[in-house]
Protein backbone atom coordinates (compact mmCIF):
# COMPACT_ATOMS: atom_id res chain seq x y z
CA MET A 1 28.46 -18.33 12.16
CA ALA A 2 24.78 -18.70 13.14
CA GLU A 3 24.34 -14.93 12.96
CA MET A 4 25.75 -14.92 9.44
CA ARG A 5 23.27 -17.62 8.35
CA LEU A 6 20.38 -15.73 9.93
CA GLU A 7 21.49 -12.59 8.11
CA ARG A 8 21.55 -14.53 4.81
CA ILE A 9 18.00 -15.80 5.39
CA VAL A 10 16.79 -12.29 6.19
CA VAL A 11 18.48 -10.93 3.05
CA VAL A 12 16.99 -13.71 0.90
CA VAL A 13 13.50 -13.12 2.32
CA LEU A 14 13.81 -9.37 1.75
CA LEU A 15 14.99 -9.95 -1.82
CA VAL A 16 12.06 -12.27 -2.49
CA VAL A 17 9.64 -9.71 -1.02
CA VAL A 18 11.13 -6.93 -3.16
CA CYS A 19 10.93 -9.14 -6.26
CA VAL A 20 7.31 -10.04 -5.55
CA MET A 21 6.13 -6.63 -4.45
CA GLY A 22 8.19 -4.60 -6.90
CA THR A 23 8.18 -0.89 -6.18
CA ALA A 24 5.53 -1.13 -3.46
CA LEU A 25 8.31 -1.25 -0.83
CA LEU A 26 10.30 1.62 -2.28
CA PRO A 27 9.69 5.26 -1.32
CA ARG A 28 6.75 6.69 -3.23
CA ARG A 29 7.42 8.91 -6.20
CA ALA A 30 4.97 10.81 -8.32
CA ALA A 31 3.35 8.27 -10.60
CA ALA A 32 0.06 7.71 -12.32
CA GLN A 33 -0.21 4.19 -10.94
CA ALA A 34 1.38 2.45 -7.99
CA ASP A 35 2.48 -1.18 -8.08
CA GLY A 36 0.60 -2.80 -5.21
CA GLN A 37 -0.75 -6.04 -6.65
CA ALA A 38 1.11 -8.32 -4.24
CA GLY A 39 -0.46 -7.03 -1.04
CA ASN A 40 -1.76 -10.46 0.02
CA VAL A 41 1.52 -12.38 -0.18
CA THR A 42 2.51 -14.33 2.92
CA ILE A 43 6.03 -15.68 3.34
CA VAL A 44 6.66 -18.77 5.44
CA LEU A 45 10.14 -20.04 6.29
CA ALA A 46 10.10 -23.74 6.99
CA GLU A 47 12.50 -25.60 9.25
CA MET A 48 16.06 -26.01 7.97
CA ARG A 49 16.89 -29.45 6.59
CA ASN A 50 20.12 -30.71 5.04
CA GLY A 51 21.64 -27.22 5.00
CA SER A 52 18.78 -25.56 3.16
CA VAL A 53 15.64 -23.66 4.07
CA PRO A 54 12.34 -23.97 2.16
CA ILE A 55 10.70 -20.58 1.61
CA VAL A 56 6.99 -20.65 0.77
CA LEU A 57 5.17 -17.67 -0.72
CA VAL A 58 1.36 -17.82 -0.64
CA ASP A 59 -0.53 -15.26 -2.72
CA GLY A 60 -4.08 -15.05 -1.38
CA THR A 61 -5.27 -12.81 -4.20
CA GLU A 62 -4.02 -15.02 -7.03
CA GLN A 63 -4.59 -18.21 -4.99
CA THR A 64 -1.14 -19.53 -5.81
CA LEU A 65 1.87 -20.74 -3.90
CA LEU A 66 5.55 -20.82 -4.75
CA VAL A 67 8.18 -22.88 -2.97
CA TYR A 68 11.82 -21.83 -3.11
CA GLU A 69 14.79 -23.50 -1.46
CA TYR A 70 17.70 -21.47 -0.14
CA ASP A 71 20.95 -23.45 0.14
CA TYR A 72 23.39 -22.24 2.79
CA GLY A 73 26.37 -24.03 1.24
CA SER A 74 26.07 -22.53 -2.24
CA ASP A 75 24.27 -19.35 -1.07
CA GLU A 76 21.74 -19.84 -3.88
CA ILE A 77 17.95 -19.83 -4.08
CA GLU A 78 16.03 -22.11 -6.42
CA LEU A 79 12.35 -22.36 -7.37
CA GLN A 80 11.09 -25.83 -6.38
CA CYS A 81 7.43 -25.66 -7.38
CA ALA A 82 4.60 -23.33 -8.31
CA ARG A 83 0.90 -24.14 -8.08
CA THR A 84 -2.49 -22.54 -8.06
CA TYR A 85 -4.86 -23.83 -5.41
CA ARG A 86 -7.90 -22.06 -6.86
CA PHE A 87 -9.33 -25.26 -8.34
CA ASP A 88 -8.14 -27.52 -5.52
CA LYS A 89 -10.58 -25.68 -3.25
CA LEU A 90 -13.47 -26.87 -5.42
CA LEU A 91 -12.84 -30.51 -4.52
CA THR A 92 -14.96 -31.87 -1.71
CA GLU A 93 -12.42 -34.58 -0.96
CA PHE A 94 -9.16 -35.87 -2.38
CA ASN A 95 -6.81 -38.50 -0.95
CA SER A 96 -8.99 -38.66 2.14
CA GLY A 97 -9.85 -41.64 4.27
CA ARG A 98 -13.01 -42.68 5.99
CA PRO A 99 -15.43 -41.32 6.76
CA SER A 100 -15.85 -39.64 3.39
CA VAL A 101 -17.54 -36.28 3.07
CA GLU A 102 -20.64 -38.04 1.69
CA ASP A 103 -20.67 -40.47 4.66
CA VAL A 104 -20.65 -37.54 7.08
CA ARG A 105 -23.46 -35.82 5.16
CA LYS A 106 -25.56 -38.99 5.45
CA MET A 107 -24.86 -39.29 9.20
CA ILE A 108 -25.88 -35.68 9.79
CA ARG A 109 -29.11 -36.00 7.79
CA ASN A 110 -30.28 -39.02 9.84
């Protein structure tokens, strides 16, 4: 039973990779252009909870992340959220406690 679940996760991950990378994983054929835009995609499988596994795809080139959830019971995958973190990186602090970034700057300058 555990082997079957592991096989399902592997199949789901491979399907997600094929969907994201398109023909980049398929044998090369003569073509004017190759589809290789998803070369910086990282896939992370989180710990199983309540019979489902979160699957996170992080695209370093596009600076986005996608979170899917694969449900063992229904054998389905569902998109949970999508977000770009490009602009988040421009924040110096957000939802952070003390000391603030500005407090640390002041301590270092003194």
